[in-house]
Amino acid sequence: MLLPGADVVAARTVAARMSKAVADAPFDLDGETRVRVSMGGAVWVPPSAEGPDEVIFRAGEHLRMAQIRGGGVVRDGDG
């Protein structure tokens, strides 16, 4: 997801709201399975020497760290 103009605080807020919305959704898979999300993010503030590939790579690395920690985790470079 792209959040033009968002800083770290705004991006974390959006990610937390999305995570809560998924966790609170009435998914009835088998009565026991809960659906949770893991997200990784990266903020890019122009001008920057970093290109799109590097930003996407950082976001992917943060996603992998969040997945290792378990579902329901939002991870960026600071948290």
N, C-alpha and C. Protein backbone atom coordinates (compact mmCIF):
# COMPACT_ATOMS: atom_id res chain seq x y z
N MET A 1 0.85 -1.16 0.00
CA MET A 1 0.00 0.00 0.00
C MET A 1 0.90 1.22 0.00
N LEU A 2 0.52 2.20 -0.77
CA LEU A 2 1.25 3.46 -0.79
C LEU A 2 0.44 4.50 -0.03
N LEU A 3 1.12 5.26 0.82
CA LEU A 3 0.47 6.31 1.59
C LEU A 3 1.20 7.63 1.31
N PRO A 4 0.92 8.25 0.19
CA PRO A 4 1.61 9.50 -0.15
C PRO A 4 1.46 10.55 0.94
N GLY A 5 2.58 11.14 1.32
CA GLY A 5 2.57 12.19 2.32
C GLY A 5 2.54 11.70 3.76
N ALA A 6 2.46 10.40 3.97
CA ALA A 6 2.38 9.86 5.33
C ALA A 6 3.76 9.80 5.96
N ASP A 7 3.84 10.18 7.22
CA ASP A 7 5.07 9.99 7.96
C ASP A 7 4.97 8.66 8.73
N VAL A 8 5.97 8.37 9.53
CA VAL A 8 6.00 7.10 10.26
C VAL A 8 4.78 6.95 11.17
N VAL A 9 4.43 8.01 11.87
CA VAL A 9 3.29 7.95 12.80
C VAL A 9 1.99 7.67 12.05
N ALA A 10 1.76 8.36 10.94
CA ALA A 10 0.54 8.15 10.16
C ALA A 10 0.50 6.74 9.59
N ALA A 11 1.64 6.26 9.08
CA ALA A 11 1.69 4.92 8.51
C ALA A 11 1.42 3.86 9.58
N ARG A 12 1.98 4.04 10.77
CA ARG A 12 1.72 3.10 11.86
C ARG A 12 0.25 3.10 12.25
N THR A 13 -0.36 4.28 12.27
CA THR A 13 -1.78 4.40 12.62
C THR A 13 -2.64 3.65 11.61
N VAL A 14 -2.38 3.84 10.32
CA VAL A 14 -3.14 3.15 9.28
C VAL A 14 -2.93 1.64 9.40
N ALA A 15 -1.70 1.21 9.60
CA ALA A 15 -1.41 -0.23 9.72
C ALA A 15 -2.12 -0.82 10.94
N ALA A 16 -2.11 -0.12 12.06
CA ALA A 16 -2.77 -0.63 13.26
C ALA A 16 -4.28 -0.73 13.05
N ARG A 17 -4.86 0.25 12.37
CA ARG A 17 -6.30 0.22 12.10
C ARG A 17 -6.65 -0.94 11.17
N MET A 18 -5.82 -1.16 10.16
CA MET A 18 -6.05 -2.28 9.24
C MET A 18 -5.95 -3.61 9.98
N SER A 19 -4.93 -3.75 10.80
CA SER A 19 -4.73 -4.99 11.55
C SER A 19 -5.92 -5.26 12.47
N LYS A 20 -6.39 -4.22 13.16
CA LYS A 20 -7.54 -4.37 14.05
C LYS A 20 -8.80 -4.73 13.27
N ALA A 21 -8.99 -4.09 12.11
CA ALA A 21 -10.18 -4.38 11.30
C ALA A 21 -10.21 -5.84 10.87
N VAL A 22 -9.06 -6.38 10.49
CA VAL A 22 -9.00 -7.79 10.09
C VAL A 22 -9.24 -8.69 11.30
N ALA A 23 -8.60 -8.35 12.44
CA ALA A 23 -8.76 -9.17 13.64
C ALA A 23 -10.20 -9.16 14.15
N ASP A 24 -10.90 -8.04 13.97
CA ASP A 24 -12.28 -7.92 14.47
C ASP A 24 -13.32 -8.42 13.48
N ALA A 25 -12.92 -8.71 12.24
CA ALA A 25 -13.87 -9.14 11.21
C ALA A 25 -14.47 -10.50 11.58
N PRO A 26 -15.75 -10.68 11.27
CA PRO A 26 -16.42 -11.93 11.65
C PRO A 26 -16.16 -13.06 10.66
N PHE A 27 -14.90 -13.49 10.58
CA PHE A 27 -14.57 -14.64 9.75
C PHE A 27 -14.99 -15.90 10.49
N ASP A 28 -15.78 -16.75 9.87
CA ASP A 28 -16.21 -17.98 10.51
C ASP A 28 -15.64 -19.14 9.69
N LEU A 29 -14.38 -19.44 9.92
CA LEU A 29 -13.73 -20.51 9.17
C LEU A 29 -14.06 -21.86 9.77
N ASP A 30 -13.78 -22.02 11.03
CA ASP A 30 -14.08 -23.28 11.69
C ASP A 30 -14.42 -23.05 13.17
N GLY A 31 -14.67 -21.81 13.51
CA GLY A 31 -15.01 -21.48 14.89
C GLY A 31 -13.80 -21.28 15.78
N GLU A 32 -12.61 -21.65 15.31
CA GLU A 32 -11.41 -21.52 16.12
C GLU A 32 -10.31 -20.72 15.45
N THR A 33 -10.27 -20.74 14.15
CA THR A 33 -9.20 -20.08 13.42
C THR A 33 -9.42 -18.58 13.40
N ARG A 34 -8.41 -17.83 13.78
CA ARG A 34 -8.47 -16.37 13.74
C ARG A 34 -7.58 -15.89 12.61
N VAL A 35 -8.03 -14.89 11.92
CA VAL A 35 -7.26 -14.30 10.83
C VAL A 35 -6.56 -13.07 11.37
N ARG A 36 -5.25 -13.01 11.18
CA ARG A 36 -4.46 -11.86 11.59
C ARG A 36 -3.51 -11.51 10.46
N VAL A 37 -3.03 -10.31 10.48
CA VAL A 37 -2.11 -9.87 9.43
C VAL A 37 -0.78 -9.46 10.03
N SER A 38 0.23 -9.57 9.22
CA SER A 38 1.55 -9.03 9.55
C SER A 38 1.88 -8.04 8.45
N MET A 39 2.45 -6.92 8.82
CA MET A 39 2.78 -5.88 7.85
C MET A 39 4.20 -5.37 8.08
N GLY A 40 4.82 -5.02 6.99
CA GLY A 40 6.12 -4.37 7.05
C GLY A 40 6.03 -3.07 6.29
N GLY A 41 6.71 -2.07 6.76
CA GLY A 41 6.62 -0.77 6.10
C GLY A 41 7.98 -0.10 5.98
N ALA A 42 8.03 0.85 5.09
CA ALA A 42 9.22 1.66 4.91
C ALA A 42 8.77 3.04 4.47
N VAL A 43 9.33 4.05 5.08
CA VAL A 43 9.00 5.43 4.74
C VAL A 43 10.07 5.97 3.81
N TRP A 44 9.62 6.65 2.76
CA TRP A 44 10.54 7.29 1.82
C TRP A 44 10.21 8.76 1.79
N VAL A 45 11.19 9.59 2.08
CA VAL A 45 10.99 11.03 2.09
C VAL A 45 11.92 11.65 1.06
N PRO A 46 11.35 12.24 0.01
CA PRO A 46 12.20 12.87 -0.99
C PRO A 46 12.77 14.19 -0.46
N PRO A 47 13.88 14.65 -0.94
CA PRO A 47 14.76 13.92 -1.86
C PRO A 47 15.55 12.86 -1.11
N SER A 48 15.78 11.78 -1.76
CA SER A 48 16.51 10.67 -1.15
C SER A 48 17.35 9.98 -2.20
N ALA A 49 18.49 9.48 -1.78
CA ALA A 49 19.34 8.72 -2.71
C ALA A 49 18.77 7.33 -2.94
N GLU A 50 17.80 6.95 -2.11
CA GLU A 50 17.20 5.63 -2.20
C GLU A 50 16.17 5.60 -3.33
N GLY A 51 16.22 4.56 -4.14
CA GLY A 51 15.25 4.39 -5.21
C GLY A 51 14.11 3.50 -4.78
N PRO A 52 13.11 3.34 -5.65
CA PRO A 52 11.94 2.52 -5.32
C PRO A 52 12.30 1.08 -4.95
N ASP A 53 13.27 0.50 -5.63
CA ASP A 53 13.64 -0.89 -5.33
C ASP A 53 14.16 -1.03 -3.91
N GLU A 54 14.95 -0.06 -3.46
CA GLU A 54 15.50 -0.12 -2.10
C GLU A 54 14.40 0.04 -1.05
N VAL A 55 13.45 0.93 -1.31
CA VAL A 55 12.35 1.15 -0.36
C VAL A 55 11.49 -0.11 -0.27
N ILE A 56 11.17 -0.70 -1.41
CA ILE A 56 10.37 -1.93 -1.42
C ILE A 56 11.14 -3.06 -0.73
N PHE A 57 12.44 -3.13 -0.94
CA PHE A 57 13.25 -4.15 -0.27
C PHE A 57 13.18 -3.98 1.24
N ARG A 58 13.33 -2.72 1.72
CA ARG A 58 13.25 -2.47 3.18
C ARG A 58 11.89 -2.88 3.72
N ALA A 59 10.83 -2.54 3.01
CA ALA A 59 9.49 -2.91 3.47
C ALA A 59 9.35 -4.43 3.53
N GLY A 60 9.91 -5.12 2.54
CA GLY A 60 9.87 -6.59 2.53
C GLY A 60 10.65 -7.19 3.69
N GLU A 61 11.80 -6.61 4.00
CA GLU A 61 12.58 -7.08 5.15
C GLU A 61 11.80 -6.89 6.44
N HIS A 62 11.13 -5.75 6.58
CA HIS A 62 10.34 -5.51 7.79
C HIS A 62 9.14 -6.46 7.86
N LEU A 63 8.56 -6.80 6.71
CA LEU A 63 7.47 -7.78 6.68
C LEU A 63 7.98 -9.13 7.16
N ARG A 64 9.13 -9.55 6.67
CA ARG A 64 9.68 -10.84 7.10
C ARG A 64 9.94 -10.86 8.61
N MET A 65 10.42 -9.76 9.16
CA MET A 65 10.64 -9.68 10.61
C MET A 65 9.32 -9.77 11.36
N ALA A 66 8.28 -9.11 10.83
CA ALA A 66 6.96 -9.17 11.47
C ALA A 66 6.40 -10.58 11.42
N GLN A 67 6.58 -11.28 10.30
CA GLN A 67 6.08 -12.65 10.17
C GLN A 67 6.78 -13.58 11.15
N ILE A 68 8.06 -13.38 11.36
CA ILE A 68 8.80 -14.20 12.32
C ILE A 68 8.25 -14.01 13.73
N ARG A 69 7.86 -12.77 14.04
CA ARG A 69 7.34 -12.47 15.37
C ARG A 69 5.92 -12.97 15.57
N GLY A 70 5.24 -13.32 14.49
CA GLY A 70 3.88 -13.85 14.60
C GLY A 70 2.86 -12.91 14.02
N GLY A 71 1.65 -13.41 13.79
CA GLY A 71 0.58 -12.62 13.20
C GLY A 71 0.18 -11.46 14.07
N GLY A 72 -0.42 -10.46 13.44
CA GLY A 72 -0.87 -9.30 14.16
C GLY A 72 0.22 -8.31 14.46
N VAL A 73 1.33 -8.40 13.75
CA VAL A 73 2.49 -7.54 14.01
C VAL A 73 2.67 -6.55 12.88
N VAL A 74 2.93 -5.31 13.24
CA VAL A 74 3.30 -4.27 12.29
C VAL A 74 4.75 -3.92 12.58
N ARG A 75 5.57 -3.94 11.56
CA ARG A 75 7.01 -3.71 11.76
C ARG A 75 7.50 -2.67 10.76
N ASP A 76 8.21 -1.70 11.26
CA ASP A 76 8.91 -0.77 10.40
C ASP A 76 10.34 -0.69 10.91
N GLY A 77 11.11 0.19 10.40
CA GLY A 77 12.52 0.26 10.81
C GLY A 77 12.71 0.68 12.26
N ASP A 78 11.69 1.28 12.87
CA ASP A 78 11.84 1.79 14.22
C ASP A 78 11.20 0.93 15.30
N GLY A 79 10.38 -0.05 14.91
CA GLY A 79 9.63 -0.75 15.94
C GLY A 79 9.62 -2.22 15.85
